[in-house]
Amino acid sequence: MPGSKNKYTLFHLKLDYHPVFILARTTLYMTMIDMSLNDGLGEVIEINRELLTNGRFGSVNAIKHANGRDWWIYVAHEVRKQL
Protein backbone atom coordinates (compact mmCIF):
# COMPACT_ATOMS: atom_id res chain seq x y z
CA MET A 1 0.00 0.00 0.00
CA PRO A 2 1.70 3.23 -1.08
CA GLY A 3 2.88 5.36 1.81
CA SER A 4 2.74 2.54 4.37
CA LYS A 5 5.55 0.29 5.53
CA ASN A 6 3.23 -2.21 7.23
CA LYS A 7 0.07 -2.45 5.14
CA TYR A 8 -0.20 -4.55 2.01
CA THR A 9 -2.95 -5.17 -0.51
CA LEU A 10 -3.25 -8.61 -2.08
CA PHE A 11 -5.23 -8.99 -5.31
CA HIS A 12 -6.34 -12.55 -6.07
CA LEU A 13 -8.72 -14.46 -8.33
CA LYS A 14 -11.30 -17.15 -7.57
CA LEU A 15 -11.31 -20.34 -9.64
CA ASP A 16 -14.74 -21.82 -10.46
CA TYR A 17 -15.87 -24.80 -12.47
CA HIS A 18 -16.70 -23.93 -16.07
CA PRO A 19 -18.42 -26.43 -18.44
CA VAL A 20 -16.12 -25.64 -21.39
CA PHE A 21 -12.83 -24.50 -19.84
CA ILE A 22 -13.02 -26.79 -16.77
CA LEU A 23 -11.73 -23.97 -14.56
CA ALA A 24 -12.28 -20.25 -15.01
CA ARG A 25 -11.18 -17.24 -12.98
CA THR A 26 -14.50 -15.58 -12.19
CA THR A 27 -14.05 -13.06 -9.39
CA LEU A 28 -11.30 -10.55 -8.54
CA TYR A 29 -10.81 -10.01 -4.81
CA MET A 30 -8.80 -7.63 -2.66
CA THR A 31 -7.46 -8.60 0.79
CA MET A 32 -5.67 -6.13 3.09
CA ILE A 33 -2.90 -7.19 5.48
CA ASP A 34 -1.32 -5.20 8.33
CA MET A 35 2.12 -6.56 9.23
CA SER A 36 2.40 -4.40 12.37
CA LEU A 37 -0.27 -6.52 14.11
CA ASN A 38 0.11 -9.89 15.87
CA ASP A 39 3.61 -9.15 17.20
CA GLY A 40 4.94 -8.46 13.70
CA LEU A 41 3.57 -11.66 12.16
CA GLY A 42 0.78 -9.73 10.46
CA GLU A 43 -2.97 -10.00 10.38
CA VAL A 44 -5.62 -9.83 7.70
CA ILE A 45 -7.70 -6.70 8.33
CA GLU A 46 -10.08 -7.06 5.38
CA ILE A 47 -10.63 -10.26 3.42
CA ASN A 48 -12.06 -11.05 0.00
CA ARG A 49 -13.60 -7.72 -0.97
CA GLU A 50 -15.13 -8.32 -4.40
CA LEU A 51 -13.82 -5.88 -6.99
CA LEU A 52 -14.93 -7.51 -10.27
CA THR A 53 -17.43 -10.35 -10.70
CA ASN A 54 -19.26 -12.34 -13.35
CA GLY A 55 -16.49 -12.57 -15.86
CA ARG A 56 -13.56 -14.59 -17.05
CA PHE A 57 -10.27 -13.06 -16.08
CA GLY A 58 -6.68 -13.57 -17.13
CA SER A 59 -3.65 -12.69 -15.07
CA VAL A 60 -3.36 -9.80 -12.62
CA ASN A 61 -0.37 -7.45 -12.98
CA ALA A 62 0.80 -4.44 -11.01
CA ILE A 63 2.64 -1.62 -12.76
CA LYS A 64 4.28 1.25 -10.89
CA HIS A 65 3.20 4.70 -12.12
CA ALA A 66 5.82 7.07 -13.51
CA ASN A 67 5.40 9.30 -10.42
CA GLY A 68 7.14 6.54 -8.41
CA ARG A 69 4.38 6.46 -5.78
CA ASP A 70 1.17 5.09 -7.29
CA TRP A 71 0.43 1.70 -8.81
CA TRP A 72 -1.82 0.58 -11.67
CA ILE A 73 -3.48 -2.84 -11.40
CA TYR A 74 -4.08 -4.46 -14.79
CA VAL A 75 -6.53 -7.36 -15.10
CA ALA A 76 -7.17 -9.10 -18.41
CA HIS A 77 -10.94 -9.54 -18.77
CA GLU A 78 -12.97 -11.22 -21.49
CA VAL A 79 -15.88 -9.17 -22.77
CA ARG A 80 -18.50 -10.98 -24.81
CA LYS A 81 -20.73 -9.15 -27.21
CA GLN A 82 -24.26 -10.48 -27.70
CA LEU A 83 -25.35 -10.63 -31.34
PDB file of N, CA and C in Angstrom:
ATOM      1  N   MET A   1       0.857  -1.163   0.000  1.00  0.00           N
ATOM      2  CA  MET A   1       0.000   0.000   0.000  1.00  0.00           C
ATOM      3  C   MET A   1       0.904   1.227   0.000  1.00  0.00           C
ATOM      4  N   PRO A   2       0.812   2.066  -1.012  1.00  0.00           N
ATOM      5  CA  PRO A   2       1.704   3.226  -1.085  1.00  0.00           C
ATOM      6  C   PRO A   2       1.651   4.091   0.176  1.00  0.00           C
ATOM      7  N   GLY A   3       2.801   4.499   0.644  1.00  0.00           N
ATOM      8  CA  GLY A   3       2.883   5.363   1.814  1.00  0.00           C
ATOM      9  C   GLY A   3       2.857   4.623   3.138  1.00  0.00           C
ATOM     10  N   SER A   4       2.781   3.315   3.136  1.00  0.00           N
ATOM     11  CA  SER A   4       2.738   2.540   4.372  1.00  0.00           C
ATOM     12  C   SER A   4       3.805   1.451   4.339  1.00  0.00           C
ATOM     13  N   LYS A   5       4.530   1.325   5.438  1.00  0.00           N
ATOM     14  CA  LYS A   5       5.548   0.289   5.529  1.00  0.00           C
ATOM     15  C   LYS A   5       4.957  -1.042   5.988  1.00  0.00           C
ATOM     16  N   ASN A   6       3.776  -1.004   6.613  1.00  0.00           N
ATOM     17  CA  ASN A   6       3.228  -2.205   7.233  1.00  0.00           C
ATOM     18  C   ASN A   6       1.971  -2.755   6.576  1.00  0.00           C
ATOM     19  N   LYS A   7       1.332  -1.989   5.726  1.00  0.00           N
ATOM     20  CA  LYS A   7       0.071  -2.450   5.142  1.00  0.00           C
ATOM     21  C   LYS A   7       0.276  -2.852   3.688  1.00  0.00           C
ATOM     22  N   TYR A   8      -0.311  -3.993   3.351  1.00  0.00           N
ATOM     23  CA  TYR A   8      -0.195  -4.550   2.005  1.00  0.00           C
ATOM     24  C   TYR A   8      -1.579  -4.880   1.468  1.00  0.00           C
ATOM     25  N   THR A   9      -1.721  -4.799   0.156  1.00  0.00           N
ATOM     26  CA  THR A   9      -2.953  -5.175  -0.507  1.00  0.00           C
ATOM     27  C   THR A   9      -2.650  -6.349  -1.427  1.00  0.00           C
ATOM     28  N   LEU A  10      -3.407  -7.415  -1.270  1.00  0.00           N
ATOM     29  CA  LEU A  10      -3.251  -8.612  -2.079  1.00  0.00           C
ATOM     30  C   LEU A  10      -4.442  -8.727  -3.019  1.00  0.00           C
ATOM     31  N   PHE A  11      -4.189  -8.791  -4.319  1.00  0.00           N
ATOM     32  CA  PHE A  11      -5.233  -8.991  -5.310  1.00  0.00           C
ATOM     33  C   PHE A  11      -5.174 -10.459  -5.736  1.00  0.00           C
ATOM     34  N   HIS A  12      -6.323 -11.133  -5.732  1.00  0.00           N
ATOM     35  CA  HIS A  12      -6.342 -12.548  -6.073  1.00  0.00           C
ATOM     36  C   HIS A  12      -7.646 -12.912  -6.764  1.00  0.00           C
ATOM     37  N   LEU A  13      -7.589 -14.015  -7.517  1.00  0.00           N
ATOM     38  CA  LEU A  13      -8.719 -14.460  -8.328  1.00  0.00           C
ATOM     39  C   LEU A  13      -9.299 -15.757  -7.789  1.00  0.00           C
ATOM     40  N   LYS A  14     -10.601 -15.928  -7.965  1.00  0.00           N
ATOM     41  CA  LYS A  14     -11.296 -17.148  -7.571  1.00  0.00           C
ATOM     42  C   LYS A  14     -11.405 -18.065  -8.792  1.00  0.00           C
ATOM     43  N   LEU A  15     -11.145 -19.352  -8.583  1.00  0.00           N
ATOM     44  CA  LEU A  15     -11.315 -20.344  -9.635  1.00  0.00           C
ATOM     45  C   LEU A  15     -12.647 -21.049  -9.436  1.00  0.00           C
ATOM     46  N   ASP A  16     -13.458 -21.127 -10.481  1.00  0.00           N
ATOM     47  CA  ASP A  16     -14.739 -21.821 -10.457  1.00  0.00           C
ATOM     48  C   ASP A  16     -14.786 -22.845 -11.574  1.00  0.00           C
ATOM     49  N   TYR A  17     -15.650 -23.839 -11.411  1.00  0.00           N
ATOM     50  CA  TYR A  17     -15.873 -24.804 -12.472  1.00  0.00           C
ATOM     51  C   TYR A  17     -16.543 -24.120 -13.653  1.00  0.00           C
ATOM     52  N   HIS A  18     -16.100 -24.456 -14.856  1.00  0.00           N
ATOM     53  CA  HIS A  18     -16.699 -23.930 -16.072  1.00  0.00           C
ATOM     54  C   HIS A  18     -16.914 -25.114 -17.014  1.00  0.00           C
ATOM     55  N   PRO A  19     -18.121 -25.255 -17.620  1.00  0.00           N
ATOM     56  CA  PRO A  19     -18.416 -26.432 -18.436  1.00  0.00           C
ATOM     57  C   PRO A  19     -17.521 -26.605 -19.667  1.00  0.00           C
ATOM     58  N   VAL A  20     -16.969 -25.539 -20.199  1.00  0.00           N
ATOM     59  CA  VAL A  20     -16.115 -25.638 -21.392  1.00  0.00           C
ATOM     60  C   VAL A  20     -14.640 -25.625 -21.015  1.00  0.00           C
ATOM     61  N   PHE A  21     -14.237 -24.683 -20.168  1.00  0.00           N
ATOM     62  CA  PHE A  21     -12.825 -24.495 -19.840  1.00  0.00           C
ATOM     63  C   PHE A  21     -12.361 -25.285 -18.619  1.00  0.00           C
ATOM     64  N   ILE A  22     -13.245 -26.033 -18.005  1.00  0.00           N
ATOM     65  CA  ILE A  22     -13.017 -26.791 -16.774  1.00  0.00           C
ATOM     66  C   ILE A  22     -12.875 -25.854 -15.588  1.00  0.00           C
ATOM     67  N   LEU A  23     -11.883 -24.985 -15.612  1.00  0.00           N
ATOM     68  CA  LEU A  23     -11.735 -23.974 -14.557  1.00  0.00           C
ATOM     69  C   LEU A  23     -11.689 -22.593 -15.187  1.00  0.00           C
ATOM     70  N   ALA A  24     -12.298 -21.637 -14.529  1.00  0.00           N
ATOM     71  CA  ALA A  24     -12.276 -20.250 -15.011  1.00  0.00           C
ATOM     72  C   ALA A  24     -12.098 -19.322 -13.820  1.00  0.00           C
ATOM     73  N   ARG A  25     -11.333 -18.271 -14.011  1.00  0.00           N
ATOM     74  CA  ARG A  25     -11.181 -17.240 -12.982  1.00  0.00           C
ATOM     75  C   ARG A  25     -12.385 -16.317 -13.104  1.00  0.00           C
ATOM     76  N   THR A  26     -13.213 -16.258 -12.060  1.00  0.00           N
ATOM     77  CA  THR A  26     -14.503 -15.580 -12.194  1.00  0.00           C
ATOM     78  C   THR A  26     -14.687 -14.349 -11.311  1.00  0.00           C
ATOM     79  N   THR A  27     -13.887 -14.186 -10.291  1.00  0.00           N
ATOM     80  CA  THR A  27     -14.054 -13.055  -9.387  1.00  0.00           C
ATOM     81  C   THR A  27     -12.678 -12.520  -8.993  1.00  0.00           C
ATOM     82  N   LEU A  28     -12.529 -11.195  -9.014  1.00  0.00           N
ATOM     83  CA  LEU A  28     -11.300 -10.549  -8.545  1.00  0.00           C
ATOM     84  C   LEU A  28     -11.556 -10.023  -7.145  1.00  0.00           C
ATOM     85  N   TYR A  29     -10.691 -10.423  -6.211  1.00  0.00           N
ATOM     86  CA  TYR A  29     -10.814 -10.009  -4.811  1.00  0.00           C
ATOM     87  C   TYR A  29      -9.640  -9.134  -4.394  1.00  0.00           C
ATOM     88  N   MET A  30      -9.853  -8.400  -3.307  1.00  0.00           N
ATOM     89  CA  MET A  30      -8.801  -7.629  -2.655  1.00  0.00           C
ATOM     90  C   MET A  30      -8.805  -8.000  -1.175  1.00  0.00           C
ATOM     91  N   THR A  31      -7.631  -8.315  -0.633  1.00  0.00           N
ATOM     92  CA  THR A  31      -7.462  -8.598   0.788  1.00  0.00           C
ATOM     93  C   THR A  31      -6.391  -7.668   1.322  1.00  0.00           C
ATOM     94  N   MET A  32      -6.641  -7.066   2.491  1.00  0.00           N
ATOM     95  CA  MET A  32      -5.672  -6.133   3.090  1.00  0.00           C
ATOM     96  C   MET A  32      -5.023  -6.772   4.313  1.00  0.00           C
ATOM     97  N   ILE A  33      -3.697  -6.584   4.420  1.00  0.00           N
ATOM     98  CA  ILE A  33      -2.896  -7.192   5.476  1.00  0.00           C
ATOM     99  C   ILE A  33      -2.110  -6.105   6.183  1.00  0.00           C
ATOM    100  N   ASP A  34      -2.100  -6.140   7.528  1.00  0.00           N
ATOM    101  CA  ASP A  34      -1.316  -5.198   8.329  1.00  0.00           C
ATOM    102  C   ASP A  34      -0.244  -5.986   9.071  1.00  0.00           C
ATOM    103  N   MET A  35       0.998  -5.822   8.653  1.00  0.00           N
ATOM    104  CA  MET A  35       2.119  -6.563   9.229  1.00  0.00           C
ATOM    105  C   MET A  35       2.560  -6.039  10.589  1.00  0.00           C
ATOM    106  N   SER A  36       2.033  -4.913  11.043  1.00  0.00           N
ATOM    107  CA  SER A  36       2.396  -4.397  12.365  1.00  0.00           C
ATOM    108  C   SER A  36       1.597  -5.080  13.474  1.00  0.00           C
ATOM    109  N   LEU A  37       0.572  -5.839  13.124  1.00  0.00           N
ATOM    110  CA  LEU A  37      -0.265  -6.518  14.108  1.00  0.00           C
ATOM    111  C   LEU A  37       0.273  -7.909  14.415  1.00  0.00           C
ATOM    112  N   ASN A  38      -0.236  -8.518  15.494  1.00  0.00           N
ATOM    113  CA  ASN A  38       0.105  -9.894  15.873  1.00  0.00           C
ATOM    114  C   ASN A  38       1.607 -10.058  16.110  1.00  0.00           C
ATOM    115  N   ASP A  39       2.170  -9.128  16.868  1.00  0.00           N
ATOM    116  CA  ASP A  39       3.608  -9.146  17.201  1.00  0.00           C
ATOM    117  C   ASP A  39       4.510  -9.221  15.977  1.00  0.00           C
ATOM    118  N   GLY A  40       4.123  -8.515  14.909  1.00  0.00           N
ATOM    119  CA  GLY A  40       4.940  -8.456  13.704  1.00  0.00           C
ATOM    120  C   GLY A  40       4.717  -9.596  12.724  1.00  0.00           C
ATOM    121  N   LEU A  41       3.859 -10.557  13.070  1.00  0.00           N
ATOM    122  CA  LEU A  41       3.571 -11.662  12.156  1.00  0.00           C
ATOM    123  C   LEU A  41       2.531 -11.275  11.116  1.00  0.00           C
ATOM    124  N   GLY A  42       1.782 -10.217  11.404  1.00  0.00           N
ATOM    125  CA  GLY A  42       0.781  -9.730  10.465  1.00  0.00           C
ATOM    126  C   GLY A  42      -0.595 -10.306  10.727  1.00  0.00           C
ATOM    127  N   GLU A  43      -1.587  -9.583  10.221  1.00  0.00           N
ATOM    128  CA  GLU A  43      -2.974 -10.001  10.383  1.00  0.00           C
ATOM    129  C   GLU A  43      -3.790  -9.458   9.217  1.00  0.00           C
ATOM    130  N   VAL A  44      -4.715 -10.257   8.755  1.00  0.00           N
ATOM    131  CA  VAL A  44      -5.622  -9.830   7.696  1.00  0.00           C
ATOM    132  C   VAL A  44      -6.648  -8.887   8.313  1.00  0.00           C
ATOM    133  N   ILE A  45      -6.753  -7.666   7.776  1.00  0.00           N
ATOM    134  CA  ILE A  45      -7.702  -6.697   8.334  1.00  0.00           C
ATOM    135  C   ILE A  45      -8.959  -6.549   7.487  1.00  0.00           C
ATOM    136  N   GLU A  46      -8.903  -6.999   6.242  1.00  0.00           N
ATOM    137  CA  GLU A  46     -10.080  -7.059   5.377  1.00  0.00           C
ATOM    138  C   GLU A  46      -9.842  -8.194   4.395  1.00  0.00           C
ATOM    139  N   ILE A  47     -10.836  -9.072   4.249  1.00  0.00           N
ATOM    140  CA  ILE A  47     -10.627 -10.256   3.423  1.00  0.00           C
ATOM    141  C   ILE A  47     -11.681 -10.372   2.323  1.00  0.00           C
ATOM    142  N   ASN A  48     -11.210 -10.713   1.141  1.00  0.00           N
ATOM    143  CA  ASN A  48     -12.062 -11.051   0.001  1.00  0.00           C
ATOM    144  C   ASN A  48     -13.109  -9.995  -0.359  1.00  0.00           C
ATOM    145  N   ARG A  49     -12.691  -8.752  -0.452  1.00  0.00           N
ATOM    146  CA  ARG A  49     -13.598  -7.716  -0.966  1.00  0.00           C
ATOM    147  C   ARG A  49     -13.702  -7.907  -2.474  1.00  0.00           C
ATOM    148  N   GLU A  50     -14.920  -8.104  -2.972  1.00  0.00           N
ATOM    149  CA  GLU A  50     -15.133  -8.323  -4.397  1.00  0.00           C
ATOM    150  C   GLU A  50     -14.936  -7.017  -5.161  1.00  0.00           C
ATOM    151  N   LEU A  51     -14.055  -7.052  -6.155  1.00  0.00           N
ATOM    152  CA  LEU A  51     -13.820  -5.883  -6.993  1.00  0.00           C
ATOM    153  C   LEU A  51     -14.466  -6.036  -8.362  1.00  0.00           C
ATOM    154  N   LEU A  52     -14.320  -7.212  -8.975  1.00  0.00           N
ATOM    155  CA  LEU A  52     -14.926  -7.508 -10.272  1.00  0.00           C
ATOM    156  C   LEU A  52     -15.534  -8.905 -10.197  1.00  0.00           C
ATOM    157  N   THR A  53     -16.756  -9.055 -10.729  1.00  0.00           N
ATOM    158  CA  THR A  53     -17.425 -10.347 -10.698  1.00  0.00           C
ATOM    159  C   THR A  53     -18.022 -10.677 -12.062  1.00  0.00           C
ATOM    160  N   ASN A  54     -18.531 -11.885 -12.157  1.00  0.00           N
ATOM    161  CA  ASN A  54     -19.265 -12.337 -13.345  1.00  0.00           C
ATOM    162  C   ASN A  54     -18.489 -12.180 -14.640  1.00  0.00           C
ATOM    163  N   GLY A  55     -17.279 -12.651 -14.642  1.00  0.00           N
ATOM    164  CA  GLY A  55     -16.495 -12.567 -15.863  1.00  0.00           C
ATOM    165  C   GLY A  55     -15.496 -13.695 -15.928  1.00  0.00           C
ATOM    166  N   ARG A  56     -14.695 -13.682 -16.954  1.00  0.00           N
ATOM    167  CA  ARG A  56     -13.564 -14.589 -17.050  1.00  0.00           C
ATOM    168  C   ARG A  56     -12.324 -13.709 -17.139  1.00  0.00           C
ATOM    169  N   PHE A  57     -11.424 -13.931 -16.216  1.00  0.00           N
ATOM    170  CA  PHE A  57     -10.268 -13.059 -16.082  1.00  0.00           C
ATOM    171  C   PHE A  57      -8.989 -13.799 -16.411  1.00  0.00           C
ATOM    172  N   GLY A  58      -8.016 -13.049 -16.901  1.00  0.00           N
ATOM    173  CA  GLY A  58      -6.681 -13.570 -17.132  1.00  0.00           C
ATOM    174  C   GLY A  58      -5.817 -13.254 -15.924  1.00  0.00           C
ATOM    175  N   SER A  59      -4.577 -12.963 -16.160  1.00  0.00           N
ATOM    176  CA  SER A  59      -3.652 -12.687 -15.066  1.00  0.00           C
ATOM    177  C   SER A  59      -3.838 -11.283 -14.503  1.00  0.00           C
ATOM    178  N   VAL A  60      -3.337 -11.101 -13.300  1.00  0.00           N
ATOM    179  CA  VAL A  60      -3.357  -9.804 -12.618  1.00  0.00           C
ATOM    180  C   VAL A  60      -1.919  -9.294 -12.577  1.00  0.00           C
ATOM    181  N   ASN A  61      -1.713  -8.049 -12.973  1.00  0.00           N
ATOM    182  CA  ASN A  61      -0.372  -7.452 -12.981  1.00  0.00           C
ATOM    183  C   ASN A  61      -0.417  -6.092 -12.311  1.00  0.00           C
ATOM    184  N   ALA A  62       0.659  -5.756 -11.626  1.00  0.00           N
ATOM    185  CA  ALA A  62       0.799  -4.439 -11.013  1.00  0.00           C
ATOM    186  C   ALA A  62       1.931  -3.692 -11.709  1.00  0.00           C
ATOM    187  N   ILE A  63       1.662  -2.447 -12.061  1.00  0.00           N
ATOM    188  CA  ILE A  63       2.644  -1.619 -12.760  1.00  0.00           C
ATOM    189  C   ILE A  63       2.808  -0.316 -11.984  1.00  0.00           C
ATOM    190  N   LYS A  64       4.032   0.017 -11.631  1.00  0.00           N
ATOM    191  CA  LYS A  64       4.284   1.252 -10.890  1.00  0.00           C
ATOM    192  C   LYS A  64       4.145   2.454 -11.813  1.00  0.00           C
ATOM    193  N   HIS A  65       3.419   3.464 -11.357  1.00  0.00           N
ATOM    194  CA  HIS A  65       3.197   4.699 -12.117  1.00  0.00           C
ATOM    195  C   HIS A  65       4.516   5.464 -12.252  1.00  0.00           C
ATOM    196  N   ALA A  66       4.605   6.281 -13.265  1.00  0.00           N
ATOM    197  CA  ALA A  66       5.819   7.069 -13.506  1.00  0.00           C
ATOM    198  C   ALA A  66       6.134   8.036 -12.364  1.00  0.00           C
ATOM    199  N   ASN A  67       5.125   8.388 -11.535  1.00  0.00           N
ATOM    200  CA  ASN A  67       5.395   9.296 -10.425  1.00  0.00           C
ATOM    201  C   ASN A  67       6.147   8.604  -9.286  1.00  0.00           C
ATOM    202  N   GLY A  68       6.361   7.274  -9.398  1.00  0.00           N
ATOM    203  CA  GLY A  68       7.140   6.538  -8.405  1.00  0.00           C
ATOM    204  C   GLY A  68       6.405   6.251  -7.119  1.00  0.00           C
ATOM    205  N   ARG A  69       5.147   6.629  -7.017  1.00  0.00           N
ATOM    206  CA  ARG A  69       4.381   6.460  -5.782  1.00  0.00           C
ATOM    207  C   ARG A  69       3.162   5.565  -5.977  1.00  0.00           C
ATOM    208  N   ASP A  70       2.425   5.799  -7.056  1.00  0.00           N
ATOM    209  CA  ASP A  70       1.170   5.089  -7.291  1.00  0.00           C
ATOM    210  C   ASP A  70       1.388   3.824  -8.113  1.00  0.00           C
ATOM    211  N   TRP A  71       0.391   2.953  -8.073  1.00  0.00           N
ATOM    212  CA  TRP A  71       0.430   1.703  -8.813  1.00  0.00           C
ATOM    213  C   TRP A  71      -0.824   1.562  -9.659  1.00  0.00           C
ATOM    214  N   TRP A  72      -0.692   0.946 -10.818  1.00  0.00           N
ATOM    215  CA  TRP A  72      -1.815   0.576 -11.669  1.00  0.00           C
ATOM    216  C   TRP A  72      -1.962  -0.939 -11.555  1.00  0.00           C
ATOM    217  N   ILE A  73      -3.190  -1.410 -11.412  1.00  0.00           N
ATOM    218  CA  ILE A  73      -3.476  -2.836 -11.396  1.00  0.00           C
ATOM    219  C   ILE A  73      -4.160  -3.165 -12.720  1.00  0.00           C
ATOM    220  N   TYR A  74      -3.560  -4.074 -13.480  1.00  0.00           N
ATOM    221  CA  TYR A  74      -4.077  -4.458 -14.787  1.00  0.00           C
ATOM    222  C   TYR A  74      -4.633  -5.876 -14.679  1.00  0.00           C
ATOM    223  N   VAL A  75      -5.894  -6.044 -15.112  1.00  0.00           N
ATOM    224  CA  VAL A  75      -6.534  -7.360 -15.103  1.00  0.00           C
ATOM    225  C   VAL A  75      -7.091  -7.638 -16.493  1.00  0.00           C
ATOM    226  N   ALA A  76      -6.620  -8.708 -17.117  1.00  0.00           N
ATOM    227  CA  ALA A  76      -7.169  -9.096 -18.414  1.00  0.00           C
ATOM    228  C   ALA A  76      -8.572  -9.656 -18.182  1.00  0.00           C
ATOM    229  N   HIS A  77      -9.549  -9.177 -18.968  1.00  0.00           N
ATOM    230  CA  HIS A  77     -10.943  -9.543 -18.770  1.00  0.00           C
ATOM    231  C   HIS A  77     -11.598  -9.788 -20.129  1.00  0.00           C
ATOM    232  N   GLU A  78     -12.282 -10.915 -20.248  1.00  0.00           N
ATOM    233  CA  GLU A  78     -12.971 -11.219 -21.494  1.00  0.00           C
ATOM    234  C   GLU A  78     -14.316 -10.532 -21.512  1.00  0.00           C
ATOM    235  N   VAL A  79     -14.589  -9.825 -22.583  1.00  0.00           N
ATOM    236  CA  VAL A  79     -15.881  -9.171 -22.772  1.00  0.00           C
ATOM    237  C   VAL A  79     -16.559  -9.834 -23.960  1.00  0.00           C
ATOM    238  N   ARG A  80     -17.756 -10.329 -23.731  1.00  0.00           N
ATOM    239  CA  ARG A  80     -18.501 -10.977 -24.815  1.00  0.00           C
ATOM    240  C   ARG A  80     -19.597 -10.077 -25.296  1.00  0.00           C
ATOM    241  N   LYS A  81     -19.701  -9.963 -26.603  1.00  0.00           N
ATOM    242  CA  LYS A  81     -20.731  -9.147 -27.215  1.00  0.00           C
ATOM    243  C   LYS A  81     -21.866 -10.051 -27.674  1.00  0.00           C
ATOM    244  N   GLN A  82     -23.096  -9.712 -27.277  1.00  0.00           N
ATOM    245  CA  GLN A  82     -24.260 -10.476 -27.703  1.00  0.00           C
ATOM    246  C   GLN A  82     -24.678 -10.013 -29.096  1.00  0.00           C
ATOM    247  N   LEU A  83     -24.908 -10.953 -29.984  1.00  0.00           N
ATOM    248  CA  LEU A  83     -25.351 -10.628 -31.338  1.00  0.00           C
ATOM    249  C   LEU A  83     -26.837 -10.838 -31.481  1.00  0.00           C
TER     250      LEU A  83
END
